[in-house]
PDB file of N, CA and C in Angstrom:
ATOM      1  N   MET A   1      79.193  36.980  39.652  1.00  0.00           N
ATOM      2  CA  MET A   1      80.307  36.062  39.594  1.00  0.00           C
ATOM      3  C   MET A   1      80.456  35.473  38.204  1.00  0.00           C
ATOM      4  N   GLY A   2      79.357  35.317  37.510  1.00  0.00           N
ATOM      5  CA  GLY A   2      79.393  34.772  36.166  1.00  0.00           C
ATOM      6  C   GLY A   2      80.086  35.709  35.192  1.00  0.00           C
ATOM      7  N   TYR A   3      79.967  37.012  35.450  1.00  0.00           N
ATOM      8  CA  TYR A   3      80.603  38.004  34.580  1.00  0.00           C
ATOM      9  C   TYR A   3      82.121  37.902  34.654  1.00  0.00           C
ATOM     10  N   LEU A   4      82.669  37.750  35.856  1.00  0.00           N
ATOM     11  CA  LEU A   4      84.114  37.651  36.024  1.00  0.00           C
ATOM     12  C   LEU A   4      84.658  36.342  35.467  1.00  0.00           C
ATOM     13  N   SER A   5      83.923  35.263  35.645  1.00  0.00           N
ATOM     14  CA  SER A   5      84.415  33.976  35.151  1.00  0.00           C
ATOM     15  C   SER A   5      84.396  33.923  33.626  1.00  0.00           C
ATOM     16  N   ARG A   6      83.522  34.678  33.019  1.00  0.00           N
ATOM     17  CA  ARG A   6      83.449  34.697  31.577  1.00  0.00           C
ATOM     18  C   ARG A   6      84.664  35.404  30.962  1.00  0.00           C
ATOM     19  N   PHE A   7      85.170  36.466  31.605  1.00  0.00           N
ATOM     20  CA  PHE A   7      86.281  37.258  31.085  1.00  0.00           C
ATOM     21  C   PHE A   7      87.567  37.092  31.895  1.00  0.00           C
ATOM     22  N   LYS A   8      87.699  35.966  32.565  1.00  0.00           N
ATOM     23  CA  LYS A   8      88.867  35.799  33.435  1.00  0.00           C
ATOM     24  C   LYS A   8      90.182  35.808  32.643  1.00  0.00           C
ATOM     25  N   TYR A   9      90.225  35.258  31.459  1.00  0.00           N
ATOM     26  CA  TYR A   9      91.457  35.245  30.655  1.00  0.00           C
ATOM     27  C   TYR A   9      91.820  36.643  30.169  1.00  0.00           C
ATOM     28  N   VAL A  10      90.818  37.380  29.774  1.00  0.00           N
ATOM     29  CA  VAL A  10      91.050  38.751  29.327  1.00  0.00           C
ATOM     30  C   VAL A  10      91.557  39.605  30.485  1.00  0.00           C
ATOM     31  N   ILE A  11      90.970  39.446  31.653  1.00  0.00           N
ATOM     32  CA  ILE A  11      91.388  40.200  32.833  1.00  0.00           C
ATOM     33  C   ILE A  11      92.818  39.848  33.209  1.00  0.00           C
ATOM     34  N   VAL A  12      93.169  38.567  33.160  1.00  0.00           N
ATOM     35  CA  VAL A  12      94.528  38.137  33.489  1.00  0.00           C
ATOM     36  C   VAL A  12      95.529  38.682  32.468  1.00  0.00           C
ATOM     37  N   ILE A  13      95.183  38.659  31.198  1.00  0.00           N
ATOM     38  CA  ILE A  13      96.074  39.183  30.164  1.00  0.00           C
ATOM     39  C   ILE A  13      96.274  40.685  30.334  1.00  0.00           C
ATOM     40  N   ILE A  14      95.222  41.432  30.554  1.00  0.00           N
ATOM     41  CA  ILE A  14      95.328  42.878  30.755  1.00  0.00           C
ATOM     42  C   ILE A  14      96.125  43.178  32.019  1.00  0.00           C
ATOM     43  N   GLY A  15      95.867  42.441  33.085  1.00  0.00           N
ATOM     44  CA  GLY A  15      96.643  42.611  34.323  1.00  0.00           C
ATOM     45  C   GLY A  15      98.116  42.316  34.097  1.00  0.00           C
ATOM     46  N   GLY A  16      98.431  41.288  33.350  1.00  0.00           N
ATOM     47  CA  GLY A  16      99.816  40.953  33.048  1.00  0.00           C
ATOM     48  C   GLY A  16     100.500  42.037  32.238  1.00  0.00           C
ATOM     49  N   ILE A  17      99.800  42.575  31.265  1.00  0.00           N
ATOM     50  CA  ILE A  17     100.361  43.660  30.453  1.00  0.00           C
ATOM     51  C   ILE A  17     100.645  44.888  31.320  1.00  0.00           C
ATOM     52  N   VAL A  18      99.727  45.211  32.226  1.00  0.00           N
ATOM     53  CA  VAL A  18      99.928  46.349  33.122  1.00  0.00           C
ATOM     54  C   VAL A  18     101.140  46.112  34.016  1.00  0.00           C
ATOM     55  N   VAL A  19     101.271  44.918  34.556  1.00  0.00           N
ATOM     56  CA  VAL A  19     102.402  44.616  35.429  1.00  0.00           C
ATOM     57  C   VAL A  19     103.714  44.703  34.665  1.00  0.00           C
ATOM     58  N   VAL A  20     103.747  44.183  33.448  1.00  0.00           N
ATOM     59  CA  VAL A  20     104.983  44.194  32.660  1.00  0.00           C
ATOM     60  C   VAL A  20     105.369  45.610  32.252  1.00  0.00           C
ATOM     61  N   THR A  21     104.413  46.446  31.905  1.00  0.00           N
ATOM     62  CA  THR A  21     104.736  47.774  31.401  1.00  0.00           C
ATOM     63  C   THR A  21     104.916  48.822  32.484  1.00  0.00           C
ATOM     64  N   VAL A  22     104.320  48.672  33.648  1.00  0.00           N
ATOM     65  CA  VAL A  22     104.316  49.739  34.637  1.00  0.00           C
ATOM     66  C   VAL A  22     105.038  49.360  35.931  1.00  0.00           C
ATOM     67  N   VAL A  23     104.848  48.169  36.411  1.00  0.00           N
ATOM     68  CA  VAL A  23     105.296  47.794  37.746  1.00  0.00           C
ATOM     69  C   VAL A  23     106.613  47.032  37.676  1.00  0.00           C
ATOM     70  N   GLY A  24     107.466  47.260  38.667  1.00  0.00           N
ATOM     71  CA  GLY A  24     108.655  46.446  38.810  1.00  0.00           C
ATOM     72  C   GLY A  24     109.914  47.069  38.239  1.00  0.00           C
ATOM     73  N   GLU A  25     111.033  46.449  38.578  1.00  0.00           N
ATOM     74  CA  GLU A  25     112.331  46.935  38.153  1.00  0.00           C
ATOM     75  C   GLU A  25     112.589  46.662  36.683  1.00  0.00           C
ATOM     76  N   ASN A  26     111.973  45.662  36.110  1.00  0.00           N
ATOM     77  CA  ASN A  26     112.168  45.313  34.705  1.00  0.00           C
ATOM     78  C   ASN A  26     111.020  45.779  33.823  1.00  0.00           C
ATOM     79  N   SER A  27     110.280  46.782  34.284  1.00  0.00           N
ATOM     80  CA  SER A  27     109.149  47.271  33.504  1.00  0.00           C
ATOM     81  C   SER A  27     109.643  48.032  32.281  1.00  0.00           C
ATOM     82  N   MET A  28     108.758  48.232  31.349  1.00  0.00           N
ATOM     83  CA  MET A  28     109.101  48.958  30.128  1.00  0.00           C
ATOM     84  C   MET A  28     109.473  50.410  30.436  1.00  0.00           C
ATOM     85  N   LEU A  29     108.782  51.024  31.389  1.00  0.00           N
ATOM     86  CA  LEU A  29     109.114  52.392  31.764  1.00  0.00           C
ATOM     87  C   LEU A  29     110.522  52.475  32.350  1.00  0.00           C
ATOM     88  N   GLN A  30     110.849  51.528  33.208  1.00  0.00           N
ATOM     89  CA  GLN A  30     112.179  51.514  33.807  1.00  0.00           C
ATOM     90  C   GLN A  30     113.243  51.237  32.756  1.00  0.00           C
ATOM     91  N   ARG A  31     112.965  50.364  31.814  1.00  0.00           N
ATOM     92  CA  ARG A  31     113.911  50.088  30.731  1.00  0.00           C
ATOM     93  C   ARG A  31     114.145  51.337  29.886  1.00  0.00           C
ATOM     94  N   TYR A  32     113.111  52.115  29.644  1.00  0.00           N
ATOM     95  CA  TYR A  32     113.250  53.358  28.904  1.00  0.00           C
ATOM     96  C   TYR A  32     114.139  54.337  29.672  1.00  0.00           C
ATOM     97  N   ARG A  33     113.911  54.456  30.991  1.00  0.00           N
ATOM     98  CA  ARG A  33     114.756  55.326  31.809  1.00  0.00           C
ATOM     99  C   ARG A  33     116.206  54.869  31.773  1.00  0.00           C
ATOM    100  N   TYR A  34     116.414  53.563  31.859  1.00  0.00           N
ATOM    101  CA  TYR A  34     117.778  53.022  31.807  1.00  0.00           C
ATOM    102  C   TYR A  34     118.441  53.314  30.462  1.00  0.00           C
ATOM    103  N   SER A  35     117.685  53.194  29.377  1.00  0.00           N
ATOM    104  CA  SER A  35     118.284  53.456  28.059  1.00  0.00           C
ATOM    105  C   SER A  35     118.662  54.926  27.916  1.00  0.00           C
ATOM    106  N   ARG A  36     117.858  55.843  28.461  1.00  0.00           N
ATOM    107  CA  ARG A  36     118.213  57.266  28.438  1.00  0.00           C
ATOM    108  C   ARG A  36     119.460  57.526  29.278  1.00  0.00           C
ATOM    109  N   GLU A  37     119.552  56.887  30.426  1.00  0.00           N
ATOM    110  CA  GLU A  37     120.718  57.056  31.285  1.00  0.00           C
ATOM    111  C   GLU A  37     121.976  56.501  30.615  1.00  0.00           C
ATOM    112  N   ILE A  38     121.839  55.359  29.954  1.00  0.00           N
ATOM    113  CA  ILE A  38     122.973  54.763  29.238  1.00  0.00           C
ATOM    114  C   ILE A  38     123.445  55.696  28.128  1.00  0.00           C
ATOM    115  N   ALA A  39     122.519  56.288  27.390  1.00  0.00           N
ATOM    116  CA  ALA A  39     122.894  57.214  26.315  1.00  0.00           C
ATOM    117  C   ALA A  39     123.632  58.425  26.877  1.00  0.00           C
ATOM    118  N   ALA A  40     123.153  58.953  28.000  1.00  0.00           N
ATOM    119  CA  ALA A  40     123.821  60.103  28.614  1.00  0.00           C
ATOM    120  C   ALA A  40     125.217  59.727  29.089  1.00  0.00           C
ATOM    121  N   LEU A  41     125.362  58.551  29.678  1.00  0.00           N
ATOM    122  CA  LEU A  41     126.669  58.108  30.150  1.00  0.00           C
ATOM    123  C   LEU A  41     127.622  57.845  28.989  1.00  0.00           C
ATOM    124  N   GLU A  42     127.108  57.322  27.883  1.00  0.00           N
ATOM    125  CA  GLU A  42     127.959  57.111  26.710  1.00  0.00           C
ATOM    126  C   GLU A  42     128.448  58.436  26.144  1.00  0.00           C
ATOM    127  N   ASP A  43     127.586  59.460  26.149  1.00  0.00           N
ATOM    128  CA  ASP A  43     128.006  60.790  25.709  1.00  0.00           C
ATOM    129  C   ASP A  43     129.100  61.331  26.623  1.00  0.00           C
ATOM    130  N   GLU A  44     128.920  61.129  27.927  1.00  0.00           N
ATOM    131  CA  GLU A  44     129.928  61.596  28.882  1.00  0.00           C
ATOM    132  C   GLU A  44     131.255  60.858  28.690  1.00  0.00           C
ATOM    133  N   ILE A  45     131.193  59.556  28.417  1.00  0.00           N
ATOM    134  CA  ILE A  45     132.401  58.774  28.160  1.00  0.00           C
ATOM    135  C   ILE A  45     133.120  59.312  26.932  1.00  0.00           C
ATOM    136  N   GLU A  46     132.366  59.635  25.896  1.00  0.00           N
ATOM    137  CA  GLU A  46     132.964  60.170  24.670  1.00  0.00           C
ATOM    138  C   GLU A  46     133.654  61.509  24.938  1.00  0.00           C
ATOM    139  N   GLU A  47     133.008  62.367  25.733  1.00  0.00           N
ATOM    140  CA  GLU A  47     133.620  63.654  26.074  1.00  0.00           C
ATOM    141  C   GLU A  47     134.906  63.452  26.883  1.00  0.00           C
ATOM    142  N   GLN A  48     134.857  62.525  27.830  1.00  0.00           N
ATOM    143  CA  GLN A  48     136.040  62.265  28.657  1.00  0.00           C
ATOM    144  C   GLN A  48     137.174  61.690  27.823  1.00  0.00           C
ATOM    145  N   GLU A  49     136.853  60.825  26.877  1.00  0.00           N
ATOM    146  CA  GLU A  49     137.891  60.258  26.014  1.00  0.00           C
ATOM    147  C   GLU A  49     138.520  61.334  25.135  1.00  0.00           C
ATOM    148  N   THR A  50     137.703  62.249  24.628  1.00  0.00           N
ATOM    149  CA  THR A  50     138.216  63.357  23.822  1.00  0.00           C
ATOM    150  C   THR A  50     139.137  64.233  24.659  1.00  0.00           C
ATOM    151  N   GLU A  51     138.706  64.561  25.865  1.00  0.00           N
ATOM    152  CA  GLU A  51     139.526  65.376  26.755  1.00  0.00           C
ATOM    153  C   GLU A  51     140.833  64.652  27.106  1.00  0.00           C
ATOM    154  N   PHE A  52     140.748  63.350  27.339  1.00  0.00           N
ATOM    155  CA  PHE A  52     141.945  62.565  27.652  1.00  0.00           C
ATOM    156  C   PHE A  52     142.927  62.574  26.488  1.00  0.00           C
ATOM    157  N   THR A  53     142.399  62.428  25.268  1.00  0.00           N
ATOM    158  CA  THR A  53     143.255  62.445  24.084  1.00  0.00           C
ATOM    159  C   THR A  53     143.945  63.798  23.930  1.00  0.00           C
ATOM    160  N   GLN A  54     143.196  64.869  24.105  1.00  0.00           N
ATOM    161  CA  GLN A  54     143.785  66.203  23.995  1.00  0.00           C
ATOM    162  C   GLN A  54     144.849  66.419  25.067  1.00  0.00           C
ATOM    163  N   ASP A  55     144.564  65.995  26.283  1.00  0.00           N
ATOM    164  CA  ASP A  55     145.537  66.161  27.362  1.00  0.00           C
ATOM    165  C   ASP A  55     146.771  65.306  27.127  1.00  0.00           C
ATOM    166  N   SER A  56     146.588  64.112  26.582  1.00  0.00           N
ATOM    167  CA  SER A  56     147.740  63.251  26.285  1.00  0.00           C
ATOM    168  C   SER A  56     148.629  63.883  25.214  1.00  0.00           C
ATOM    169  N   LEU A  57     148.004  64.447  24.178  1.00  0.00           N
ATOM    170  CA  LEU A  57     148.783  65.119  23.135  1.00  0.00           C
ATOM    171  C   LEU A  57     149.525  66.329  23.690  1.00  0.00           C
ATOM    172  N   ARG A  58     148.857  67.069  24.570  1.00  0.00           N
ATOM    173  CA  ARG A  58     149.490  68.233  25.186  1.00  0.00           C
ATOM    174  C   ARG A  58     150.669  67.805  26.065  1.00  0.00           C
ATOM    175  N   LEU A  59     150.524  66.689  26.765  1.00  0.00           N
ATOM    176  CA  LEU A  59     151.612  66.183  27.599  1.00  0.00           C
ATOM    177  C   LEU A  59     152.810  65.766  26.757  1.00  0.00           C
ATOM    178  N   VAL A  60     152.541  65.082  25.647  1.00  0.00           N
ATOM    179  CA  VAL A  60     153.628  64.686  24.747  1.00  0.00           C
ATOM    180  C   VAL A  60     154.316  65.926  24.201  1.00  0.00           C
ATOM    181  N   GLU A  61     153.541  66.935  23.851  1.00  0.00           N
ATOM    182  CA  GLU A  61     154.114  68.176  23.339  1.00  0.00           C
ATOM    183  C   GLU A  61     154.990  68.848  24.401  1.00  0.00           C
ATOM    184  N   LEU A  62     154.548  68.822  25.638  1.00  0.00           N
ATOM    185  CA  LEU A  62     155.343  69.427  26.708  1.00  0.00           C
ATOM    186  C   LEU A  62     156.648  68.668  26.936  1.00  0.00           C
ATOM    187  N   GLU A  63     156.616  67.356  26.775  1.00  0.00           N
ATOM    188  CA  GLU A  63     157.821  66.554  26.978  1.00  0.00           C
ATOM    189  C   GLU A  63     158.830  66.748  25.849  1.00  0.00           C
ATOM    190  N   ARG A  64     158.357  66.987  24.644  1.00  0.00           N
ATOM    191  CA  ARG A  64     159.245  67.086  23.483  1.00  0.00           C
ATOM    192  C   ARG A  64     159.708  68.500  23.179  1.00  0.00           C
ATOM    193  N   ASP A  65     158.858  69.479  23.376  1.00  0.00           N
ATOM    194  CA  ASP A  65     159.145  70.848  22.941  1.00  0.00           C
ATOM    195  C   ASP A  65     159.313  71.773  24.152  1.00  0.00           C
ATOM    196  N   PRO A  66     160.499  72.292  24.379  1.00  0.00           N
ATOM    197  CA  PRO A  66     160.688  73.188  25.529  1.00  0.00           C
ATOM    198  C   PRO A  66     159.946  74.522  25.370  1.00  0.00           C
ATOM    199  N   ASN A  67     159.648  74.905  24.150  1.00  0.00           N
ATOM    200  CA  ASN A  67     158.905  76.153  23.929  1.00  0.00           C
ATOM    201  C   ASN A  67     157.421  76.003  24.234  1.00  0.00           C
ATOM    202  N   ALA A  68     156.948  74.793  24.359  1.00  0.00           N
ATOM    203  CA  ALA A  68     155.530  74.570  24.642  1.00  0.00           C
ATOM    204  C   ALA A  68     155.153  75.094  26.020  1.00  0.00           C
ATOM    205  N   ILE A  69     156.052  74.963  26.979  1.00  0.00           N
ATOM    206  CA  ILE A  69     155.771  75.474  28.323  1.00  0.00           C
ATOM    207  C   ILE A  69     155.636  76.991  28.276  1.00  0.00           C
ATOM    208  N   ARG A  70     156.504  77.634  27.517  1.00  0.00           N
ATOM    209  CA  ARG A  70     156.412  79.086  27.368  1.00  0.00           C
ATOM    210  C   ARG A  70     155.095  79.489  26.707  1.00  0.00           C
ATOM    211  N   LYS A  71     154.707  78.734  25.703  1.00  0.00           N
ATOM    212  CA  LYS A  71     153.460  79.026  24.985  1.00  0.00           C
ATOM    213  C   LYS A  71     152.265  78.916  25.927  1.00  0.00           C
ATOM    214  N   ILE A  72     152.214  77.860  26.717  1.00  0.00           N
ATOM    215  CA  ILE A  72     151.100  77.679  27.657  1.00  0.00           C
ATOM    216  C   ILE A  72     151.120  78.767  28.722  1.00  0.00           C
ATOM    217  N   ALA A  73     152.293  79.099  29.229  1.00  0.00           N
ATOM    218  CA  ALA A  73     152.390  80.158  30.238  1.00  0.00           C
ATOM    219  C   ALA A  73     151.893  81.481  29.678  1.00  0.00           C
ATOM    220  N   ARG A  74     152.202  81.757  28.441  1.00  0.00           N
ATOM    221  CA  ARG A  74     151.751  83.017  27.831  1.00  0.00           C
ATOM    222  C   ARG A  74     150.249  83.016  27.590  1.00  0.00           C
ATOM    223  N   GLU A  75     149.718  81.911  27.087  1.00  0.00           N
ATOM    224  CA  GLU A  75     148.294  81.868  26.745  1.00  0.00           C
ATOM    225  C   GLU A  75     147.401  81.836  27.983  1.00  0.00           C
ATOM    226  N   ARG A  76     147.743  81.022  28.933  1.00  0.00           N
ATOM    227  CA  ARG A  76     146.843  80.833  30.080  1.00  0.00           C
ATOM    228  C   ARG A  76     147.083  81.822  31.214  1.00  0.00           C
ATOM    229  N   TYR A  77     148.331  82.147  31.473  1.00  0.00           N
ATOM    230  CA  TYR A  77     148.663  82.924  32.657  1.00  0.00           C
ATOM    231  C   TYR A  77     149.165  84.321  32.329  1.00  0.00           C
ATOM    232  N   PHE A  78     149.106  84.701  31.056  1.00  0.00           N
ATOM    233  CA  PHE A  78     149.493  86.033  30.592  1.00  0.00           C
ATOM    234  C   PHE A  78     150.917  86.399  31.031  1.00  0.00           C
ATOM    235  N   MET A  79     151.784  85.440  31.048  1.00  0.00           N
ATOM    236  CA  MET A  79     153.189  85.706  31.362  1.00  0.00           C
ATOM    237  C   MET A  79     153.877  86.205  30.098  1.00  0.00           C
ATOM    238  N   LYS A  80     154.966  86.910  30.299  1.00  0.00           N
ATOM    239  CA  LYS A  80     155.657  87.490  29.149  1.00  0.00           C
ATOM    240  C   LYS A  80     157.154  87.489  29.395  1.00  0.00           C
ATOM    241  N   ALA A  81     157.879  87.617  28.307  1.00  0.00           N
ATOM    242  CA  ALA A  81     159.317  87.800  28.402  1.00  0.00           C
ATOM    243  C   ALA A  81     159.587  89.276  28.687  1.00  0.00           C
ATOM    244  N   ASN A  82     160.811  89.602  29.085  1.00  0.00           N
ATOM    245  CA  ASN A  82     161.137  90.980  29.462  1.00  0.00           C
ATOM    246  C   ASN A  82     160.978  91.966  28.312  1.00  0.00           C
ATOM    247  N   ASP A  83     161.197  91.523  27.098  1.00  0.00           N
ATOM    248  CA  ASP A  83     161.142  92.442  25.965  1.00  0.00           C
ATOM    249  C   ASP A  83     159.808  92.412  25.225  1.00  0.00           C
ATOM    250  N   GLU A  84     158.764  91.917  25.849  1.00  0.00           N
ATOM    251  CA  GLU A  84     157.454  91.803  25.192  1.00  0.00           C
ATOM    252  C   GLU A  84     156.431  92.688  25.892  1.00  0.00           C
ATOM    253  N   ASP A  85     155.407  93.052  25.129  1.00  0.00           N
ATOM    254  CA  ASP A  85     154.248  93.748  25.669  1.00  0.00           C
ATOM    255  C   ASP A  85     153.043  92.855  25.453  1.00  0.00           C
ATOM    256  N   ILE A  86     152.101  92.882  26.393  1.00  0.00           N
ATOM    257  CA  ILE A  86     150.901  92.044  26.296  1.00  0.00           C
ATOM    258  C   ILE A  86     149.693  92.960  26.124  1.00  0.00           C
ATOM    259  N   PHE A  87     148.875  92.604  25.157  1.00  0.00           N
ATOM    260  CA  PHE A  87     147.616  93.290  24.932  1.00  0.00           C
ATOM    261  C   PHE A  87     146.501  92.287  25.162  1.00  0.00           C
ATOM    262  N   VAL A  88     145.631  92.552  26.126  1.00  0.00           N
ATOM    263  CA  VAL A  88     144.518  91.664  26.438  1.00  0.00           C
ATOM    264  C   VAL A  88     143.278  92.237  25.780  1.00  0.00           C
ATOM    265  N   LEU A  89     142.712  91.482  24.869  1.00  0.00           N
ATOM    266  CA  LEU A  89     141.494  91.888  24.174  1.00  0.00           C
ATOM    267  C   LEU A  89     140.327  91.140  24.802  1.00  0.00           C
ATOM    268  N   SER A  90     139.308  91.880  25.171  1.00  0.00           N
ATOM    269  CA  SER A  90     138.182  91.260  25.858  1.00  0.00           C
ATOM    270  C   SER A  90     136.889  91.604  25.142  1.00  0.00           C
ATOM    271  N   ASP A  91     136.014  90.644  25.047  1.00  0.00           N
ATOM    272  CA  ASP A  91     134.691  90.868  24.467  1.00  0.00           C
ATOM    273  C   ASP A  91     133.731  91.452  25.492  1.00  0.00           C
ATOM    274  N   GLU A  92     134.073  91.405  26.756  1.00  0.00           N
ATOM    275  CA  GLU A  92     133.186  91.891  27.811  1.00  0.00           C
ATOM    276  C   GLU A  92     132.948  93.390  27.684  1.00  0.00           C
ATOM    277  N   ILE A  93     133.975  94.148  27.374  1.00  0.00           N
ATOM    278  CA  ILE A  93     133.832  95.603  27.259  1.00  0.00           C
ATOM    279  C   ILE A  93     132.909  95.934  26.096  1.00  0.00           C
ATOM    280  N   ALA A  94     133.111  95.290  24.985  1.00  0.00           N
ATOM    281  CA  ALA A  94     132.249  95.526  23.813  1.00  0.00           C
ATOM    282  C   ALA A  94     130.808  95.118  24.136  1.00  0.00           C
ATOM    283  N   GLN A  95     130.625  94.037  24.863  1.00  0.00           N
ATOM    284  CA  GLN A  95     129.276  93.587  25.225  1.00  0.00           C
ATOM    285  C   GLN A  95     128.619  94.588  26.171  1.00  0.00           C
ATOM    286  N   GLU A  96     129.370  95.142  27.134  1.00  0.00           N
ATOM    287  CA  GLU A  96     128.823  96.134  28.046  1.00  0.00           C
ATOM    288  C   GLU A  96     128.416  97.391  27.286  1.00  0.00           C
ATOM    289  N   GLU A  97     129.226  97.810  26.312  1.00  0.00           N
ATOM    290  CA  GLU A  97     128.881  98.979  25.525  1.00  0.00           C
ATOM    291  C   GLU A  97     127.613  98.749  24.711  1.00  0.00           C
ATOM    292  N   GLN A  98     127.458  97.547  24.182  1.00  0.00           N
ATOM    293  CA  GLN A  98     126.246  97.240  23.416  1.00  0.00           C
ATOM    294  C   GLN A  98     125.028  97.210  24.332  1.00  0.00           C
ATOM    295  N   ASP A  99     125.182  96.690  25.556  1.00  0.00           N
ATOM    296  CA  ASP A  99     124.081  96.654  26.496  1.00  0.00           C
ATOM    297  C   ASP A  99     123.656  98.073  26.898  1.00  0.00           C
ATOM    298  N   GLU A 100     124.653  98.954  27.124  1.00  0.00           N
ATOM    299  CA  GLU A 100     124.340 100.328  27.487  1.00  0.00           C
ATOM    300  C   GLU A 100     123.676 101.066  26.328  1.00  0.00           C
ATOM    301  N   ALA A 101     124.119 100.804  25.108  1.00  0.00           N
ATOM    302  CA  ALA A 101     123.517 101.459  23.946  1.00  0.00           C
ATOM    303  C   ALA A 101     122.089 100.970  23.722  1.00  0.00           C
ATOM    304  N   ALA A 102     121.807  99.747  24.090  1.00  0.00           N
ATOM    305  CA  ALA A 102     120.469  99.196  23.892  1.00  0.00           C
ATOM    306  C   ALA A 102     119.472  99.796  24.887  1.00  0.00           C
ATOM    307  N   LYS A 103     119.970 100.296  26.012  1.00  0.00           N
ATOM    308  CA  LYS A 103     119.067 100.855  27.044  1.00  0.00           C
ATOM    309  C   LYS A 103     118.606 102.177  26.637  1.00  0.00           C
TER     310      LYS A 103
END
C-alpha cells in the first residue's frame, strides 16, 4: 500500500493522459479521425463546386447559343445532320491489339 501512495500523483497523471488520448468521444484519436473526415469532405465539396460551375456555364451556353444543343447532341449521342458522316475513333481496339501482341 505504501508503494501506491508514494506514486499516486504519477499514476493519476498517467491515467489522465491515457483517458484523454485514447478513451472517449473527444480523445486525440477521435479528433484525428474527425480531421481526416473533414479534409475528405472539403475535397468533395471542392469537386462538387467545380462540377456545379461547369454545369452552370454549360446551361448558360445552352440558353444563349442554339448551336450548343447541336454540339452536345453530336459529341455525346453521336447524332448527325443528314449531310454528315461520323467516324468513331476508339482506343479500345488499339489496346486489344497491343494486348494480343504482348501474348
